[in-house]
Amino acid sequence: MAMRVLSRALALGKTCDPEWALRLATVPAPWQSISFGQDQHCQGAFCWPMNSFASHEARLQSLIQLAFGQLERLPEQDSVLLVTPEFGPYAQDRLADWLNDLATQYPGPFAKNRLRVFPYGSAGVPMAVAHAQDLLIADPLVRIWLIGVDSLAQHTVLEALSEKGRLSSETGSGLLPSEGAVILELCAGAAGLQLEWQVTGGQSSEQQRAEQQR
């Protein structure tokens, strides 16, 4: 089924500018020098300095607030699908506390009876999209809000990436740590954003088709 994007908000990287965020593929990211660990430095694109927040969850909440500020209206009666960084089995209490804070600050968008959370990092994106599609098939008149938020502005994360040699530098390629929030208001539409994906389990779609033909 086709899904149409009714409204969107993008707050990504250092500029916090939605127009810049839409040109990420063609405009080089603005560099900013960040330090972490024991006198380690790398380049990044964060909305705020590394140590501006008491917790990672507070930073994520501020990113959502930044994106909400771009919307003409907030989701008050619609279903909300929230994709977050990965919260493992030993961090469920932290996740629950953060969701309570979100519901306190934004009781409409994050009401428990309309909220579905996907705390699996990037793996949660296709899961949330599939769930949005199911909701729209069940009721084509509803509106679905898909919210994704993440931030790599954590010392432990940057240290782990640095140890693996994955961080970007001005002279070489690599991961540019960043952060941001993306919000999409989705509805069913005969024409619109057609989303298709496959869970391949490490195989390409071509490999799967070849095996099916054997």
C-alpha atoms as a PDB file:
ATOM      1  CA  MET A   1       0.000   0.000   0.000  1.00  0.00           C
ATOM      2  CA  ALA A   2       1.165   3.529  -0.755  1.00  0.00           C
ATOM      3  CA  MET A   3       1.718   5.922   2.124  1.00  0.00           C
ATOM      4  CA  ARG A   4       1.688   9.665   1.664  1.00  0.00           C
ATOM      5  CA  VAL A   5       3.708  12.105   3.778  1.00  0.00           C
ATOM      6  CA  LEU A   6       1.423  14.921   4.973  1.00  0.00           C
ATOM      7  CA  SER A   7       3.974  16.823   7.034  1.00  0.00           C
ATOM      8  CA  ARG A   8       7.560  16.412   8.147  1.00  0.00           C
ATOM      9  CA  ALA A   9      10.151  17.824  10.497  1.00  0.00           C
ATOM     10  CA  LEU A  10      13.902  17.278  10.308  1.00  0.00           C
ATOM     11  CA  ALA A  11      16.455  18.376  12.870  1.00  0.00           C
ATOM     12  CA  LEU A  12      19.791  16.812  11.959  1.00  0.00           C
ATOM     13  CA  GLY A  13      23.371  17.678  12.737  1.00  0.00           C
ATOM     14  CA  LYS A  14      25.044  20.899  13.709  1.00  0.00           C
ATOM     15  CA  THR A  15      22.856  23.324  11.789  1.00  0.00           C
ATOM     16  CA  CYS A  16      19.477  22.045  13.058  1.00  0.00           C
ATOM     17  CA  ASP A  17      18.166  23.249   9.688  1.00  0.00           C
ATOM     18  CA  PRO A  18      15.496  21.152   7.923  1.00  0.00           C
ATOM     19  CA  GLU A  19      16.445  22.438   4.464  1.00  0.00           C
ATOM     20  CA  TRP A  20      20.085  21.515   5.054  1.00  0.00           C
ATOM     21  CA  ALA A  21      18.992  18.129   6.360  1.00  0.00           C
ATOM     22  CA  LEU A  22      17.170  17.412   3.084  1.00  0.00           C
ATOM     23  CA  ARG A  23      20.418  18.046   1.176  1.00  0.00           C
ATOM     24  CA  LEU A  24      22.595  15.690   3.224  1.00  0.00           C
ATOM     25  CA  ALA A  25      23.435  13.635   0.136  1.00  0.00           C
ATOM     26  CA  THR A  26      24.731  16.604  -1.857  1.00  0.00           C
ATOM     27  CA  VAL A  27      26.060  19.113   0.690  1.00  0.00           C
ATOM     28  CA  PRO A  28      29.101  18.280   2.846  1.00  0.00           C
ATOM     29  CA  ALA A  29      28.308  18.144   6.537  1.00  0.00           C
ATOM     30  CA  PRO A  30      29.586  21.062   8.623  1.00  0.00           C
ATOM     31  CA  TRP A  31      32.600  20.009  10.647  1.00  0.00           C
ATOM     32  CA  GLN A  32      32.932  20.575  14.359  1.00  0.00           C
ATOM     33  CA  SER A  33      35.738  19.362  16.551  1.00  0.00           C
ATOM     34  CA  ILE A  34      34.696  17.338  19.600  1.00  0.00           C
ATOM     35  CA  SER A  35      36.770  15.793  22.351  1.00  0.00           C
ATOM     36  CA  PHE A  36      36.110  12.700  24.417  1.00  0.00           C
ATOM     37  CA  GLY A  37      37.898  10.174  26.564  1.00  0.00           C
ATOM     38  CA  GLN A  38      41.500  10.914  27.464  1.00  0.00           C
ATOM     39  CA  ASP A  39      42.448  13.766  25.158  1.00  0.00           C
ATOM     40  CA  GLN A  40      40.859  12.131  22.113  1.00  0.00           C
ATOM     41  CA  HIS A  41      39.421  14.277  19.344  1.00  0.00           C
ATOM     42  CA  CYS A  42      37.294  13.667  16.280  1.00  0.00           C
ATOM     43  CA  GLN A  43      34.982  15.491  13.910  1.00  0.00           C
ATOM     44  CA  GLY A  44      31.232  15.481  14.386  1.00  0.00           C
ATOM     45  CA  ALA A  45      27.965  17.239  13.625  1.00  0.00           C
ATOM     46  CA  PHE A  46      26.011  17.634  16.856  1.00  0.00           C
ATOM     47  CA  CYS A  47      23.178  20.064  17.540  1.00  0.00           C
ATOM     48  CA  TRP A  48      24.707  21.002  20.901  1.00  0.00           C
ATOM     49  CA  PRO A  49      28.072  20.557  22.639  1.00  0.00           C
ATOM     50  CA  MET A  50      28.805  17.091  23.955  1.00  0.00           C
ATOM     51  CA  ASN A  51      28.322  17.845  27.646  1.00  0.00           C
ATOM     52  CA  SER A  52      25.238  20.051  27.420  1.00  0.00           C
ATOM     53  CA  PHE A  53      22.873  17.484  28.960  1.00  0.00           C
ATOM     54  CA  ALA A  54      22.828  15.463  32.152  1.00  0.00           C
ATOM     55  CA  SER A  55      21.751  12.264  30.392  1.00  0.00           C
ATOM     56  CA  HIS A  56      21.453  10.740  26.949  1.00  0.00           C
ATOM     57  CA  GLU A  57      17.670  10.537  27.355  1.00  0.00           C
ATOM     58  CA  ALA A  58      17.489  14.283  28.095  1.00  0.00           C
ATOM     59  CA  ARG A  59      19.400  14.930  24.883  1.00  0.00           C
ATOM     60  CA  LEU A  60      17.026  12.741  22.880  1.00  0.00           C
ATOM     61  CA  GLN A  61      14.054  14.548  24.412  1.00  0.00           C
ATOM     62  CA  SER A  62      15.490  17.930  23.405  1.00  0.00           C
ATOM     63  CA  LEU A  63      16.004  16.673  19.840  1.00  0.00           C
ATOM     64  CA  ILE A  64      12.323  15.708  19.663  1.00  0.00           C
ATOM     65  CA  GLN A  65      11.406  19.128  21.046  1.00  0.00           C
ATOM     66  CA  LEU A  66      13.548  20.754  18.352  1.00  0.00           C
ATOM     67  CA  ALA A  67      11.705  18.836  15.628  1.00  0.00           C
ATOM     68  CA  PHE A  68       8.285  19.486  17.185  1.00  0.00           C
ATOM     69  CA  GLY A  69       9.036  23.206  16.907  1.00  0.00           C
ATOM     70  CA  GLN A  70       8.934  22.890  13.090  1.00  0.00           C
ATOM     71  CA  LEU A  71       5.412  21.444  12.981  1.00  0.00           C
ATOM     72  CA  GLU A  72       2.232  23.438  12.572  1.00  0.00           C
ATOM     73  CA  ARG A  73       0.419  21.030  14.884  1.00  0.00           C
ATOM     74  CA  LEU A  74       1.384  18.207  17.210  1.00  0.00           C
ATOM     75  CA  PRO A  75      -0.129  14.715  17.107  1.00  0.00           C
ATOM     76  CA  GLU A  76      -2.804  14.941  19.784  1.00  0.00           C
ATOM     77  CA  GLN A  77      -5.261  12.169  18.871  1.00  0.00           C
ATOM     78  CA  ASP A  78      -3.289  10.125  16.342  1.00  0.00           C
ATOM     79  CA  SER A  79      -1.144   7.014  16.729  1.00  0.00           C
ATOM     80  CA  VAL A  80       2.545   7.690  17.336  1.00  0.00           C
ATOM     81  CA  LEU A  81       5.321   5.232  16.473  1.00  0.00           C
ATOM     82  CA  LEU A  82       8.578   6.116  18.207  1.00  0.00           C
ATOM     83  CA  VAL A  83      11.904   4.668  17.001  1.00  0.00           C
ATOM     84  CA  THR A  84      14.661   5.143  19.579  1.00  0.00           C
ATOM     85  CA  PRO A  85      18.270   4.095  20.062  1.00  0.00           C
ATOM     86  CA  GLU A  86      18.648   0.556  21.297  1.00  0.00           C
ATOM     87  CA  PHE A  87      17.679   0.009  24.929  1.00  0.00           C
ATOM     88  CA  GLY A  88      18.877  -3.431  25.933  1.00  0.00           C
ATOM     89  CA  PRO A  89      17.260  -5.734  28.499  1.00  0.00           C
ATOM     90  CA  TYR A  90      19.205  -4.082  31.336  1.00  0.00           C
ATOM     91  CA  ALA A  91      18.070  -0.573  30.370  1.00  0.00           C
ATOM     92  CA  GLN A  92      14.308  -1.062  30.420  1.00  0.00           C
ATOM     93  CA  ASP A  93      13.915   0.987  33.603  1.00  0.00           C
ATOM     94  CA  ARG A  94      15.747   3.898  31.946  1.00  0.00           C
ATOM     95  CA  LEU A  95      13.490   3.595  28.914  1.00  0.00           C
ATOM     96  CA  ALA A  96      10.347   3.534  31.074  1.00  0.00           C
ATOM     97  CA  ASP A  97      11.483   6.602  33.034  1.00  0.00           C
ATOM     98  CA  TRP A  98      12.245   8.480  29.822  1.00  0.00           C
ATOM     99  CA  LEU A  99       8.856   7.621  28.288  1.00  0.00           C
ATOM    100  CA  ASN A 100       7.190   8.931  31.451  1.00  0.00           C
ATOM    101  CA  ASP A 101       9.157  12.171  31.100  1.00  0.00           C
ATOM    102  CA  LEU A 102       8.070  12.450  27.465  1.00  0.00           C
ATOM    103  CA  ALA A 103       4.428  11.880  28.418  1.00  0.00           C
ATOM    104  CA  THR A 104       4.701  14.555  31.106  1.00  0.00           C
ATOM    105  CA  GLN A 105       6.147  17.122  28.707  1.00  0.00           C
ATOM    106  CA  TYR A 106       3.917  16.136  25.767  1.00  0.00           C
ATOM    107  CA  PRO A 107       0.813  14.360  27.135  1.00  0.00           C
ATOM    108  CA  GLY A 108      -0.932  14.441  23.747  1.00  0.00           C
ATOM    109  CA  PRO A 109       1.692  12.923  21.427  1.00  0.00           C
ATOM    110  CA  PHE A 110       3.043  10.404  23.925  1.00  0.00           C
ATOM    111  CA  ALA A 111      -0.122   9.175  25.600  1.00  0.00           C
ATOM    112  CA  LYS A 112       0.407   5.505  26.422  1.00  0.00           C
ATOM    113  CA  ASN A 113      -2.794   4.331  24.731  1.00  0.00           C
ATOM    114  CA  ARG A 114      -1.657   5.735  21.356  1.00  0.00           C
ATOM    115  CA  LEU A 115       2.113   5.192  21.575  1.00  0.00           C
ATOM    116  CA  ARG A 116       4.102   2.245  20.227  1.00  0.00           C
ATOM    117  CA  VAL A 117       7.843   2.230  20.919  1.00  0.00           C
ATOM    118  CA  PHE A 118      10.539   0.498  18.854  1.00  0.00           C
ATOM    119  CA  PRO A 119      13.716   0.665  21.012  1.00  0.00           C
ATOM    120  CA  TYR A 120      15.914  -1.221  18.565  1.00  0.00           C
ATOM    121  CA  GLY A 121      18.011   1.454  16.873  1.00  0.00           C
ATOM    122  CA  SER A 122      18.055   1.395  13.077  1.00  0.00           C
ATOM    123  CA  ALA A 123      16.478  -2.072  13.123  1.00  0.00           C
ATOM    124  CA  GLY A 124      13.324  -0.455  14.502  1.00  0.00           C
ATOM    125  CA  VAL A 125      12.740   1.629  11.368  1.00  0.00           C
ATOM    126  CA  PRO A 126      11.378  -1.117   9.062  1.00  0.00           C
ATOM    127  CA  MET A 127       9.428  -2.534  11.998  1.00  0.00           C
ATOM    128  CA  ALA A 128       7.758   0.834  12.604  1.00  0.00           C
ATOM    129  CA  VAL A 129       7.052   1.340   8.890  1.00  0.00           C
ATOM    130  CA  ALA A 130       5.494  -2.116   8.663  1.00  0.00           C
ATOM    131  CA  HIS A 131       3.334  -1.375  11.708  1.00  0.00           C
ATOM    132  CA  ALA A 132       2.255   1.964  10.193  1.00  0.00           C
ATOM    133  CA  GLN A 133       1.242   0.131   7.038  1.00  0.00           C
ATOM    134  CA  ASP A 134      -0.798  -2.371   9.050  1.00  0.00           C
ATOM    135  CA  LEU A 135      -2.613   0.440  10.858  1.00  0.00           C
ATOM    136  CA  LEU A 136      -3.415   2.204   7.586  1.00  0.00           C
ATOM    137  CA  ILE A 137      -4.672  -1.001   5.979  1.00  0.00           C
ATOM    138  CA  ALA A 138      -6.954  -1.559   8.974  1.00  0.00           C
ATOM    139  CA  ASP A 139      -8.246   2.023   8.818  1.00  0.00           C
ATOM    140  CA  PRO A 140      -7.272   4.110   5.749  1.00  0.00           C
ATOM    141  CA  LEU A 141      -8.640   7.281   7.361  1.00  0.00           C
ATOM    142  CA  VAL A 142      -6.255   7.409  10.303  1.00  0.00           C
ATOM    143  CA  ARG A 143      -3.089   9.479  10.557  1.00  0.00           C
ATOM    144  CA  ILE A 144       0.153   7.912  11.759  1.00  0.00           C
ATOM    145  CA  TRP A 145       3.095   9.845  13.160  1.00  0.00           C
ATOM    146  CA  LEU A 146       6.478   8.188  12.754  1.00  0.00           C
ATOM    147  CA  ILE A 147       9.163   9.698  15.008  1.00  0.00           C
ATOM    148  CA  GLY A 148      12.791   8.660  14.950  1.00  0.00           C
ATOM    149  CA  VAL A 149      15.480  10.058  17.244  1.00  0.00           C
ATOM    150  CA  ASP A 150      19.098   9.155  17.904  1.00  0.00           C
ATOM    151  CA  SER A 151      22.374  10.667  19.046  1.00  0.00           C
ATOM    152  CA  LEU A 152      25.963   9.460  19.059  1.00  0.00           C
ATOM    153  CA  ALA A 153      26.979  12.218  21.474  1.00  0.00           C
ATOM    154  CA  GLN A 154      28.147   9.793  24.148  1.00  0.00           C
ATOM    155  CA  HIS A 155      31.721   9.359  25.343  1.00  0.00           C
ATOM    156  CA  THR A 156      31.428   5.584  25.596  1.00  0.00           C
ATOM    157  CA  VAL A 157      30.046   5.284  22.061  1.00  0.00           C
ATOM    158  CA  LEU A 158      32.728   7.532  20.574  1.00  0.00           C
ATOM    159  CA  GLU A 159      35.467   5.668  22.438  1.00  0.00           C
ATOM    160  CA  ALA A 160      34.210   2.336  21.097  1.00  0.00           C
ATOM    161  CA  LEU A 161      34.058   3.698  17.533  1.00  0.00           C
ATOM    162  CA  SER A 162      37.531   5.180  17.903  1.00  0.00           C
ATOM    163  CA  GLU A 163      38.985   1.870  19.079  1.00  0.00           C
ATOM    164  CA  LYS A 164      37.594   0.230  15.932  1.00  0.00           C
ATOM    165  CA  GLY A 165      39.010   3.001  13.716  1.00  0.00           C
ATOM    166  CA  ARG A 166      35.592   3.966  12.421  1.00  0.00           C
ATOM    167  CA  LEU A 167      35.518   7.698  13.171  1.00  0.00           C
ATOM    168  CA  SER A 168      35.831  10.201  10.341  1.00  0.00           C
ATOM    169  CA  SER A 169      38.759  12.558   9.958  1.00  0.00           C
ATOM    170  CA  GLU A 170      39.368  15.544   7.710  1.00  0.00           C
ATOM    171  CA  THR A 171      41.854  13.551   5.639  1.00  0.00           C
ATOM    172  CA  GLY A 172      40.006  10.267   5.339  1.00  0.00           C
ATOM    173  CA  SER A 173      36.612   8.653   5.146  1.00  0.00           C
ATOM    174  CA  GLY A 174      34.709   7.222   8.065  1.00  0.00           C
ATOM    175  CA  LEU A 175      31.669   7.681  10.250  1.00  0.00           C
ATOM    176  CA  LEU A 176      30.686  11.272  11.009  1.00  0.00           C
ATOM    177  CA  PRO A 177      28.963  11.065  14.428  1.00  0.00           C
ATOM    178  CA  SER A 178      25.812  13.127  14.501  1.00  0.00           C
ATOM    179  CA  GLU A 179      22.368  13.304  16.053  1.00  0.00           C
ATOM    180  CA  GLY A 180      18.866  14.295  15.100  1.00  0.00           C
ATOM    181  CA  ALA A 181      15.147  13.696  15.075  1.00  0.00           C
ATOM    182  CA  VAL A 182      12.863  13.027  12.110  1.00  0.00           C
ATOM    183  CA  ILE A 183       9.071  13.233  12.201  1.00  0.00           C
ATOM    184  CA  LEU A 184       6.719  12.115   9.429  1.00  0.00           C
ATOM    185  CA  GLU A 185       2.929  12.374   9.419  1.00  0.00           C
ATOM    186  CA  LEU A 186       1.678   9.518   7.254  1.00  0.00           C
ATOM    187  CA  CYS A 187      -1.683   8.719   5.694  1.00  0.00           C
ATOM    188  CA  ALA A 188      -2.972   6.211   3.178  1.00  0.00           C
ATOM    189  CA  GLY A 189      -2.946   7.411  -0.417  1.00  0.00           C
ATOM    190  CA  ALA A 190      -3.478   6.009  -3.883  1.00  0.00           C
ATOM    191  CA  ALA A 191      -0.349   7.934  -4.866  1.00  0.00           C
ATOM    192  CA  GLY A 192       2.465   8.731  -2.538  1.00  0.00           C
ATOM    193  CA  LEU A 193       5.561   7.307  -0.973  1.00  0.00           C
ATOM    194  CA  GLN A 194       5.687   3.643  -1.936  1.00  0.00           C
ATOM    195  CA  LEU A 195       7.742   1.743   0.623  1.00  0.00           C
ATOM    196  CA  GLU A 196       9.024  -1.722  -0.155  1.00  0.00           C
ATOM    197  CA  TRP A 197      11.595  -3.757   1.725  1.00  0.00           C
ATOM    198  CA  GLN A 198      12.681  -7.311   2.367  1.00  0.00           C
ATOM    199  CA  VAL A 199      14.291  -8.971   5.352  1.00  0.00           C
ATOM    200  CA  THR A 200      17.060 -10.879   3.644  1.00  0.00           C
ATOM    201  CA  GLY A 201      18.979 -12.367   6.564  1.00  0.00           C
ATOM    202  CA  GLY A 202      22.313 -11.319   5.084  1.00  0.00           C
ATOM    203  CA  GLN A 203      21.464 -12.357   1.516  1.00  0.00           C
ATOM    204  CA  SER A 204      20.809  -9.974  -1.322  1.00  0.00           C
ATOM    205  CA  SER A 205      17.408 -10.064  -3.023  1.00  0.00           C
ATOM    206  CA  GLU A 206      19.172 -11.371  -6.145  1.00  0.00           C
ATOM    207  CA  GLN A 207      20.611 -14.292  -4.160  1.00  0.00           C
ATOM    208  CA  GLN A 208      17.206 -15.078  -2.713  1.00  0.00           C
ATOM    209  CA  ARG A 209      15.560 -15.066  -6.147  1.00  0.00           C
ATOM    210  CA  ALA A 210      18.291 -17.370  -7.483  1.00  0.00           C
ATOM    211  CA  GLU A 211      17.690 -19.827  -4.657  1.00  0.00           C
ATOM    212  CA  GLN A 212      13.927 -19.727  -5.176  1.00  0.00           C
ATOM    213  CA  GLN A 213      14.409 -20.606  -8.853  1.00  0.00           C
ATOM    214  CA  ARG A 214      16.471 -23.731  -8.083  1.00  0.00           C
END
